[in-house]
Amino acid sequence: MKGMLMRFQYAHAVLPVLLTFASYRFPMPVTELKIFPNGSGQSAYYVCPRCRITMERECMSFCDRCGQRLDWSYYENTRNVYFRPHFKSSS
C-alpha cells in the first residue's frame, strides 16, 4: 500500500510532462508561409506551428526541429508572411 501512495504522490508533477510529450503526436495544421525576397525572385518556406521555425521541405510528416506532427490538409489556405530585413544605417 505504501508503494501505491508514493506513485500517486508524484502523479501531479508527472502528468503535465506526459501530456506535453503526447501533444507532439497530435497533428497541427500548417497555417503560415514565410516569403523571403532575394536577388532573383522570392523563396518561400512553410512554418512549423509549434516552434515557429521555417521548414526546409514541404509535406513532411513531422517537423525536423521540434518533432511536431504536421497536418498538410489545408496548406493551400496558408497565410503569407513577407519577411523584410531591417538594415541599420551607419552614421
PDB file of N, CA and C in Angstrom:
ATOM      1  N   MET A   1       0.818  -1.196   0.000  1.00  0.00           N
ATOM      2  CA  MET A   1       0.000   0.000   0.000  1.00  0.00           C
ATOM      3  C   MET A   1       0.860   1.259   0.000  1.00  0.00           C
ATOM      4  N   LYS A   2       2.000   1.180   0.703  1.00  0.00           N
ATOM      5  CA  LYS A   2       2.869   2.346   0.776  1.00  0.00           C
ATOM      6  C   LYS A   2       3.427   2.710  -0.608  1.00  0.00           C
ATOM      7  N   GLY A   3       3.783   1.709  -1.390  1.00  0.00           N
ATOM      8  CA  GLY A   3       4.284   1.962  -2.733  1.00  0.00           C
ATOM      9  C   GLY A   3       3.237   2.586  -3.632  1.00  0.00           C
ATOM     10  N   MET A   4       1.986   2.211  -3.459  1.00  0.00           N
ATOM     11  CA  MET A   4       0.893   2.780  -4.241  1.00  0.00           C
ATOM     12  C   MET A   4       0.704   4.257  -3.916  1.00  0.00           C
ATOM     13  N   LEU A   5       0.819   4.612  -2.637  1.00  0.00           N
ATOM     14  CA  LEU A   5       0.691   6.013  -2.243  1.00  0.00           C
ATOM     15  C   LEU A   5       1.833   6.846  -2.794  1.00  0.00           C
ATOM     16  N   MET A   6       3.025   6.296  -2.851  1.00  0.00           N
ATOM     17  CA  MET A   6       4.174   7.022  -3.405  1.00  0.00           C
ATOM     18  C   MET A   6       3.960   7.337  -4.886  1.00  0.00           C
ATOM     19  N   ARG A   7       3.364   6.406  -5.624  1.00  0.00           N
ATOM     20  CA  ARG A   7       3.123   6.646  -7.049  1.00  0.00           C
ATOM     21  C   ARG A   7       2.116   7.772  -7.258  1.00  0.00           C
ATOM     22  N   PHE A   8       1.063   7.793  -6.487  1.00  0.00           N
ATOM     23  CA  PHE A   8       0.057   8.842  -6.635  1.00  0.00           C
ATOM     24  C   PHE A   8       0.538  10.194  -6.119  1.00  0.00           C
ATOM     25  N   GLN A   9       1.486  10.180  -5.235  1.00  0.00           N
ATOM     26  CA  GLN A   9       2.002  11.419  -4.663  1.00  0.00           C
ATOM     27  C   GLN A   9       2.682  12.276  -5.743  1.00  0.00           C
ATOM     28  N   TYR A  10       3.352  11.656  -6.694  1.00  0.00           N
ATOM     29  CA  TYR A  10       4.077  12.396  -7.729  1.00  0.00           C
ATOM     30  C   TYR A  10       3.326  12.466  -9.050  1.00  0.00           C
ATOM     31  N   ALA A  11       2.109  11.988  -9.090  1.00  0.00           N
ATOM     32  CA  ALA A  11       1.334  11.986 -10.332  1.00  0.00           C
ATOM     33  C   ALA A  11       1.047  13.398 -10.815  1.00  0.00           C
ATOM     34  N   HIS A  12       0.812  14.337  -9.900  1.00  0.00           N
ATOM     35  CA  HIS A  12       0.518  15.712 -10.311  1.00  0.00           C
ATOM     36  C   HIS A  12       1.713  16.376 -10.988  1.00  0.00           C
ATOM     37  N   ALA A  13       2.920  15.941 -10.695  1.00  0.00           N
ATOM     38  CA  ALA A  13       4.112  16.505 -11.322  1.00  0.00           C
ATOM     39  C   ALA A  13       4.437  15.823 -12.646  1.00  0.00           C
ATOM     40  N   VAL A  14       4.122  14.565 -12.773  1.00  0.00           N
ATOM     41  CA  VAL A  14       4.483  13.794 -13.961  1.00  0.00           C
ATOM     42  C   VAL A  14       3.440  13.943 -15.063  1.00  0.00           C
ATOM     43  N   LEU A  15       2.190  14.078 -14.704  1.00  0.00           N
ATOM     44  CA  LEU A  15       1.109  14.124 -15.692  1.00  0.00           C
ATOM     45  C   LEU A  15       1.258  15.264 -16.697  1.00  0.00           C
ATOM     46  N   PRO A  16       1.546  16.526 -16.282  1.00  0.00           N
ATOM     47  CA  PRO A  16       1.724  17.579 -17.296  1.00  0.00           C
ATOM     48  C   PRO A  16       2.869  17.314 -18.269  1.00  0.00           C
ATOM     49  N   VAL A  17       3.924  16.691 -17.789  1.00  0.00           N
ATOM     50  CA  VAL A  17       5.057  16.370 -18.659  1.00  0.00           C
ATOM     51  C   VAL A  17       4.646  15.330 -19.697  1.00  0.00           C
ATOM     52  N   LEU A  18       3.925  14.323 -19.260  1.00  0.00           N
ATOM     53  CA  LEU A  18       3.467  13.285 -20.185  1.00  0.00           C
ATOM     54  C   LEU A  18       2.487  13.851 -21.215  1.00  0.00           C
ATOM     55  N   LEU A  19       1.613  14.738 -20.797  1.00  0.00           N
ATOM     56  CA  LEU A  19       0.674  15.355 -21.745  1.00  0.00           C
ATOM     57  C   LEU A  19       1.398  16.228 -22.763  1.00  0.00           C
ATOM     58  N   THR A  20       2.445  16.913 -22.334  1.00  0.00           N
ATOM     59  CA  THR A  20       3.230  17.727 -23.266  1.00  0.00           C
ATOM     60  C   THR A  20       3.907  16.848 -24.303  1.00  0.00           C
ATOM     61  N   PHE A  21       4.498  15.739 -23.871  1.00  0.00           N
ATOM     62  CA  PHE A  21       5.132  14.824 -24.813  1.00  0.00           C
ATOM     63  C   PHE A  21       4.113  14.227 -25.777  1.00  0.00           C
ATOM     64  N   ALA A  22       2.944  13.901 -25.285  1.00  0.00           N
ATOM     65  CA  ALA A  22       1.904  13.311 -26.134  1.00  0.00           C
ATOM     66  C   ALA A  22       1.342  14.323 -27.120  1.00  0.00           C
ATOM     67  N   SER A  23       1.339  15.613 -26.757  1.00  0.00           N
ATOM     68  CA  SER A  23       0.753  16.624 -27.641  1.00  0.00           C
ATOM     69  C   SER A  23       1.535  16.770 -28.944  1.00  0.00           C
ATOM     70  N   TYR A  24       2.802  16.400 -28.966  1.00  0.00           N
ATOM     71  CA  TYR A  24       3.586  16.456 -30.195  1.00  0.00           C
ATOM     72  C   TYR A  24       3.101  15.430 -31.218  1.00  0.00           C
ATOM     73  N   ARG A  25       2.404  14.407 -30.775  1.00  0.00           N
ATOM     74  CA  ARG A  25       1.928  13.356 -31.662  1.00  0.00           C
ATOM     75  C   ARG A  25       0.595  13.682 -32.314  1.00  0.00           C
ATOM     76  N   PHE A  26      -0.120  14.677 -31.803  1.00  0.00           N
ATOM     77  CA  PHE A  26      -1.373  15.103 -32.431  1.00  0.00           C
ATOM     78  C   PHE A  26      -1.030  16.073 -33.550  1.00  0.00           C
ATOM     79  N   PRO A  27      -1.528  15.847 -34.772  1.00  0.00           N
ATOM     80  CA  PRO A  27      -1.153  16.718 -35.898  1.00  0.00           C
ATOM     81  C   PRO A  27      -1.690  18.140 -35.737  1.00  0.00           C
ATOM     82  N   MET A  28      -0.824  19.105 -35.997  1.00  0.00           N
ATOM     83  CA  MET A  28      -1.215  20.515 -36.005  1.00  0.00           C
ATOM     84  C   MET A  28      -1.198  20.997 -37.452  1.00  0.00           C
ATOM     85  N   PRO A  29      -2.184  21.779 -37.860  1.00  0.00           N
ATOM     86  CA  PRO A  29      -2.227  22.238 -39.248  1.00  0.00           C
ATOM     87  C   PRO A  29      -1.158  23.292 -39.542  1.00  0.00           C
ATOM     88  N   VAL A  30      -0.565  23.191 -40.704  1.00  0.00           N
ATOM     89  CA  VAL A  30       0.397  24.183 -41.173  1.00  0.00           C
ATOM     90  C   VAL A  30      -0.402  25.364 -41.721  1.00  0.00           C
ATOM     91  N   THR A  31      -0.221  26.540 -41.143  1.00  0.00           N
ATOM     92  CA  THR A  31      -1.070  27.681 -41.481  1.00  0.00           C
ATOM     93  C   THR A  31      -0.305  28.904 -41.955  1.00  0.00           C
ATOM     94  N   GLU A  32       1.023  28.835 -42.037  1.00  0.00           N
ATOM     95  CA  GLU A  32       1.790  30.025 -42.379  1.00  0.00           C
ATOM     96  C   GLU A  32       2.890  29.705 -43.380  1.00  0.00           C
ATOM     97  N   LEU A  33       3.078  30.609 -44.338  1.00  0.00           N
ATOM     98  CA  LEU A  33       4.117  30.513 -45.356  1.00  0.00           C
ATOM     99  C   LEU A  33       4.936  31.794 -45.296  1.00  0.00           C
ATOM    100  N   LYS A  34       6.229  31.678 -45.004  1.00  0.00           N
ATOM    101  CA  LYS A  34       7.090  32.846 -44.895  1.00  0.00           C
ATOM    102  C   LYS A  34       7.820  33.039 -46.225  1.00  0.00           C
ATOM    103  N   ILE A  35       7.736  34.237 -46.770  1.00  0.00           N
ATOM    104  CA  ILE A  35       8.308  34.547 -48.082  1.00  0.00           C
ATOM    105  C   ILE A  35       9.486  35.494 -47.899  1.00  0.00           C
ATOM    106  N   PHE A  36      10.640  35.087 -48.448  1.00  0.00           N
ATOM    107  CA  PHE A  36      11.870  35.866 -48.342  1.00  0.00           C
ATOM    108  C   PHE A  36      12.262  36.389 -49.718  1.00  0.00           C
ATOM    109  N   PRO A  37      12.390  37.711 -49.880  1.00  0.00           N
ATOM    110  CA  PRO A  37      12.853  38.238 -51.171  1.00  0.00           C
ATOM    111  C   PRO A  37      14.364  38.028 -51.308  1.00  0.00           C
ATOM    112  N   ASN A  38      14.793  37.715 -52.510  1.00  0.00           N
ATOM    113  CA  ASN A  38      16.221  37.623 -52.781  1.00  0.00           C
ATOM    114  C   ASN A  38      16.488  38.251 -54.141  1.00  0.00           C
ATOM    115  N   GLY A  39      17.709  38.215 -54.609  1.00  0.00           N
ATOM    116  CA  GLY A  39      18.085  38.897 -55.841  1.00  0.00           C
ATOM    117  C   GLY A  39      17.403  38.382 -57.091  1.00  0.00           C
ATOM    118  N   SER A  40      17.036  37.130 -57.124  1.00  0.00           N
ATOM    119  CA  SER A  40      16.460  36.554 -58.342  1.00  0.00           C
ATOM    120  C   SER A  40      14.980  36.204 -58.185  1.00  0.00           C
ATOM    121  N   GLY A  41      14.294  36.788 -57.223  1.00  0.00           N
ATOM    122  CA  GLY A  41      12.876  36.490 -57.037  1.00  0.00           C
ATOM    123  C   GLY A  41      12.546  36.343 -55.573  1.00  0.00           C
ATOM    124  N   GLN A  42      11.814  35.298 -55.253  1.00  0.00           N
ATOM    125  CA  GLN A  42      11.412  35.075 -53.873  1.00  0.00           C
ATOM    126  C   GLN A  42      11.545  33.603 -53.522  1.00  0.00           C
ATOM    127  N   SER A  43      11.903  33.353 -52.270  1.00  0.00           N
ATOM    128  CA  SER A  43      11.933  31.996 -51.738  1.00  0.00           C
ATOM    129  C   SER A  43      10.858  31.901 -50.667  1.00  0.00           C
ATOM    130  N   ALA A  44      10.123  30.795 -50.632  1.00  0.00           N
ATOM    131  CA  ALA A  44       9.040  30.623 -49.670  1.00  0.00           C
ATOM    132  C   ALA A  44       9.232  29.327 -48.894  1.00  0.00           C
ATOM    133  N   TYR A  45       9.001  29.407 -47.599  1.00  0.00           N
ATOM    134  CA  TYR A  45       9.139  28.248 -46.717  1.00  0.00           C
ATOM    135  C   TYR A  45       7.938  28.189 -45.775  1.00  0.00           C
ATOM    136  N   TYR A  46       7.429  26.989 -45.532  1.00  0.00           N
ATOM    137  CA  TYR A  46       6.350  26.810 -44.569  1.00  0.00           C
ATOM    138  C   TYR A  46       6.916  26.891 -43.154  1.00  0.00           C
ATOM    139  N   VAL A  47       6.064  27.290 -42.209  1.00  0.00           N
ATOM    140  CA  VAL A  47       6.474  27.493 -40.826  1.00  0.00           C
ATOM    141  C   VAL A  47       5.825  26.437 -39.937  1.00  0.00           C
ATOM    142  N   CYS A  48       6.606  25.854 -39.038  1.00  0.00           N
ATOM    143  CA  CYS A  48       6.081  24.875 -38.083  1.00  0.00           C
ATOM    144  C   CYS A  48       5.136  25.587 -37.111  1.00  0.00           C
ATOM    145  N   PRO A  49       3.951  25.049 -36.867  1.00  0.00           N
ATOM    146  CA  PRO A  49       3.006  25.716 -35.970  1.00  0.00           C
ATOM    147  C   PRO A  49       3.429  25.691 -34.499  1.00  0.00           C
ATOM    148  N   ARG A  50       4.321  24.794 -34.102  1.00  0.00           N
ATOM    149  CA  ARG A  50       4.732  24.736 -32.696  1.00  0.00           C
ATOM    150  C   ARG A  50       5.985  25.567 -32.435  1.00  0.00           C
ATOM    151  N   CYS A  51       7.066  25.317 -33.152  1.00  0.00           N
ATOM    152  CA  CYS A  51       8.327  26.007 -32.861  1.00  0.00           C
ATOM    153  C   CYS A  51       8.505  27.293 -33.664  1.00  0.00           C
ATOM    154  N   ARG A  52       7.640  27.541 -34.646  1.00  0.00           N
ATOM    155  CA  ARG A  52       7.633  28.774 -35.445  1.00  0.00           C
ATOM    156  C   ARG A  52       8.915  28.972 -36.254  1.00  0.00           C
ATOM    157  N   ILE A  53       9.592  27.871 -36.611  1.00  0.00           N
ATOM    158  CA  ILE A  53      10.800  27.925 -37.427  1.00  0.00           C
ATOM    159  C   ILE A  53      10.451  27.414 -38.817  1.00  0.00           C
ATOM    160  N   THR A  54      11.054  28.017 -39.845  1.00  0.00           N
ATOM    161  CA  THR A  54      10.771  27.584 -41.209  1.00  0.00           C
ATOM    162  C   THR A  54      11.301  26.175 -41.436  1.00  0.00           C
ATOM    163  N   MET A  55      10.574  25.440 -42.273  1.00  0.00           N
ATOM    164  CA  MET A  55      10.950  24.059 -42.594  1.00  0.00           C
ATOM    165  C   MET A  55      11.622  24.024 -43.962  1.00  0.00           C
ATOM    166  N   GLU A  56      12.558  23.133 -44.123  1.00  0.00           N
ATOM    167  CA  GLU A  56      13.314  23.054 -45.371  1.00  0.00           C
ATOM    168  C   GLU A  56      12.523  22.396 -46.490  1.00  0.00           C
ATOM    169  N   ARG A  57      11.626  21.467 -46.137  1.00  0.00           N
ATOM    170  CA  ARG A  57      10.882  20.734 -47.163  1.00  0.00           C
ATOM    171  C   ARG A  57       9.387  20.811 -46.894  1.00  0.00           C
ATOM    172  N   GLU A  58       8.613  20.631 -47.962  1.00  0.00           N
ATOM    173  CA  GLU A  58       7.155  20.599 -47.837  1.00  0.00           C
ATOM    174  C   GLU A  58       6.683  19.174 -47.581  1.00  0.00           C
ATOM    175  N   CYS A  59       5.502  19.066 -47.030  1.00  0.00           N
ATOM    176  CA  CYS A  59       4.785  17.797 -46.848  1.00  0.00           C
ATOM    177  C   CYS A  59       5.555  16.761 -46.046  1.00  0.00           C
ATOM    178  N   MET A  60       6.325  17.195 -45.056  1.00  0.00           N
ATOM    179  CA  MET A  60       6.971  16.260 -44.139  1.00  0.00           C
ATOM    180  C   MET A  60       5.943  15.849 -43.092  1.00  0.00           C
ATOM    181  N   SER A  61       6.035  14.654 -42.579  1.00  0.00           N
ATOM    182  CA  SER A  61       5.097  14.185 -41.562  1.00  0.00           C
ATOM    183  C   SER A  61       5.340  14.843 -40.214  1.00  0.00           C
ATOM    184  N   PHE A  62       6.611  15.141 -39.909  1.00  0.00           N
ATOM    185  CA  PHE A  62       6.988  15.731 -38.634  1.00  0.00           C
ATOM    186  C   PHE A  62       7.956  16.886 -38.887  1.00  0.00           C
ATOM    187  N   CYS A  63       7.937  17.875 -37.996  1.00  0.00           N
ATOM    188  CA  CYS A  63       8.923  18.964 -38.061  1.00  0.00           C
ATOM    189  C   CYS A  63      10.285  18.376 -37.743  1.00  0.00           C
ATOM    190  N   ASP A  64      11.290  18.723 -38.542  1.00  0.00           N
ATOM    191  CA  ASP A  64      12.621  18.154 -38.335  1.00  0.00           C
ATOM    192  C   ASP A  64      13.370  18.808 -37.179  1.00  0.00           C
ATOM    193  N   ARG A  65      12.811  19.845 -36.588  1.00  0.00           N
ATOM    194  CA  ARG A  65      13.483  20.516 -35.472  1.00  0.00           C
ATOM    195  C   ARG A  65      12.856  20.202 -34.122  1.00  0.00           C
ATOM    196  N   CYS A  66      11.518  20.271 -34.021  1.00  0.00           N
ATOM    197  CA  CYS A  66      10.876  20.040 -32.722  1.00  0.00           C
ATOM    198  C   CYS A  66      10.135  18.710 -32.646  1.00  0.00           C
ATOM    199  N   GLY A  67       9.863  18.061 -33.772  1.00  0.00           N
ATOM    200  CA  GLY A  67       9.207  16.765 -33.770  1.00  0.00           C
ATOM    201  C   GLY A  67       7.695  16.814 -33.806  1.00  0.00           C
ATOM    202  N   GLN A  68       7.110  18.013 -33.981  1.00  0.00           N
ATOM    203  CA  GLN A  68       5.653  18.141 -34.031  1.00  0.00           C
ATOM    204  C   GLN A  68       5.104  17.430 -35.265  1.00  0.00           C
ATOM    205  N   ARG A  69       4.054  16.668 -35.080  1.00  0.00           N
ATOM    206  CA  ARG A  69       3.381  16.022 -36.219  1.00  0.00           C
ATOM    207  C   ARG A  69       2.597  17.090 -36.970  1.00  0.00           C
ATOM    208  N   LEU A  70       2.670  17.073 -38.303  1.00  0.00           N
ATOM    209  CA  LEU A  70       2.098  18.133 -39.134  1.00  0.00           C
ATOM    210  C   LEU A  70       0.915  17.633 -39.947  1.00  0.00           C
ATOM    211  N   ASP A  71      -0.060  18.514 -40.113  1.00  0.00           N
ATOM    212  CA  ASP A  71      -1.250  18.239 -40.914  1.00  0.00           C
ATOM    213  C   ASP A  71      -1.206  19.168 -42.127  1.00  0.00           C
ATOM    214  N   TRP A  72      -1.102  18.602 -43.312  1.00  0.00           N
ATOM    215  CA  TRP A  72      -0.991  19.372 -44.550  1.00  0.00           C
ATOM    216  C   TRP A  72      -2.316  19.448 -45.303  1.00  0.00           C
ATOM    217  N   SER A  73      -3.425  19.179 -44.659  1.00  0.00           N
ATOM    218  CA  SER A  73      -4.726  19.154 -45.329  1.00  0.00           C
ATOM    219  C   SER A  73      -5.116  20.512 -45.908  1.00  0.00           C
ATOM    220  N   TYR A  74      -4.765  21.576 -45.207  1.00  0.00           N
ATOM    221  CA  TYR A  74      -5.202  22.915 -45.624  1.00  0.00           C
ATOM    222  C   TYR A  74      -4.027  23.818 -45.969  1.00  0.00           C
ATOM    223  N   TYR A  75      -2.934  23.246 -46.468  1.00  0.00           N
ATOM    224  CA  TYR A  75      -1.759  24.069 -46.740  1.00  0.00           C
ATOM    225  C   TYR A  75      -2.005  25.098 -47.851  1.00  0.00           C
ATOM    226  N   GLU A  76      -3.012  24.881 -48.689  1.00  0.00           N
ATOM    227  CA  GLU A  76      -3.305  25.851 -49.755  1.00  0.00           C
ATOM    228  C   GLU A  76      -3.903  27.139 -49.201  1.00  0.00           C
ATOM    229  N   ASN A  77      -4.439  27.087 -47.978  1.00  0.00           N
ATOM    230  CA  ASN A  77      -5.061  28.259 -47.362  1.00  0.00           C
ATOM    231  C   ASN A  77      -4.151  28.921 -46.337  1.00  0.00           C
ATOM    232  N   THR A  78      -2.846  28.792 -46.496  1.00  0.00           N
ATOM    233  CA  THR A  78      -1.921  29.363 -45.524  1.00  0.00           C
ATOM    234  C   THR A  78      -1.876  30.881 -45.645  1.00  0.00           C
ATOM    235  N   ARG A  79      -1.468  31.498 -44.545  1.00  0.00           N
ATOM    236  CA  ARG A  79      -1.303  32.952 -44.504  1.00  0.00           C
ATOM    237  C   ARG A  79       0.115  33.269 -44.972  1.00  0.00           C
ATOM    238  N   ASN A  80       0.251  34.170 -45.938  1.00  0.00           N
ATOM    239  CA  ASN A  80       1.558  34.559 -46.459  1.00  0.00           C
ATOM    240  C   ASN A  80       2.133  35.680 -45.609  1.00  0.00           C
ATOM    241  N   VAL A  81       3.357  35.483 -45.131  1.00  0.00           N
ATOM    242  CA  VAL A  81       4.047  36.488 -44.324  1.00  0.00           C
ATOM    243  C   VAL A  81       5.309  36.867 -45.079  1.00  0.00           C
ATOM    244  N   TYR A  82       5.437  38.150 -45.412  1.00  0.00           N
ATOM    245  CA  TYR A  82       6.597  38.631 -46.156  1.00  0.00           C
ATOM    246  C   TYR A  82       7.662  39.109 -45.181  1.00  0.00           C
ATOM    247  N   PHE A  83       8.872  38.579 -45.333  1.00  0.00           N
ATOM    248  CA  PHE A  83       9.991  38.935 -44.475  1.00  0.00           C
ATOM    249  C   PHE A  83      10.684  40.150 -45.061  1.00  0.00           C
ATOM    250  N   ARG A  84      10.829  41.173 -44.253  1.00  0.00           N
ATOM    251  CA  ARG A  84      11.528  42.391 -44.664  1.00  0.00           C
ATOM    252  C   ARG A  84      12.749  42.557 -43.763  1.00  0.00           C
ATOM    253  N   PRO A  85      13.949  42.427 -44.316  1.00  0.00           N
ATOM    254  CA  PRO A  85      15.142  42.583 -43.472  1.00  0.00           C
ATOM    255  C   PRO A  85      15.292  44.026 -43.011  1.00  0.00           C
ATOM    256  N   HIS A  86      15.760  44.198 -41.788  1.00  0.00           N
ATOM    257  CA  HIS A  86      15.981  45.536 -41.235  1.00  0.00           C
ATOM    258  C   HIS A  86      17.464  45.819 -41.288  1.00  0.00           C
ATOM    259  N   PHE A  87      17.826  46.890 -41.970  1.00  0.00           N
ATOM    260  CA  PHE A  87      19.218  47.294 -42.060  1.00  0.00           C
ATOM    261  C   PHE A  87      19.425  48.532 -41.218  1.00  0.00           C
ATOM    262  N   LYS A  88      20.499  48.514 -40.429  1.00  0.00           N
ATOM    263  CA  LYS A  88      20.829  49.678 -39.638  1.00  0.00           C
ATOM    264  C   LYS A  88      21.719  50.600 -40.477  1.00  0.00           C
ATOM    265  N   SER A  89      21.388  51.856 -40.463  1.00  0.00           N
ATOM    266  CA  SER A  89      22.217  52.808 -41.215  1.00  0.00           C
ATOM    267  C   SER A  89      23.356  53.255 -40.329  1.00  0.00           C
ATOM    268  N   SER A  90      24.540  53.301 -40.890  1.00  0.00           N
ATOM    269  CA  SER A  90      25.707  53.744 -40.131  1.00  0.00           C
ATOM    270  C   SER A  90      25.808  55.253 -40.231  1.00  0.00           C
ATOM    271  N   SER A  91      25.936  55.899 -39.093  1.00  0.00           N
ATOM    272  CA  SER A  91      26.045  57.364 -39.111  1.00  0.00           C
ATOM    273  C   SER A  91      27.240  57.815 -38.322  1.00  0.00           C
TER     274      SER A  91
END
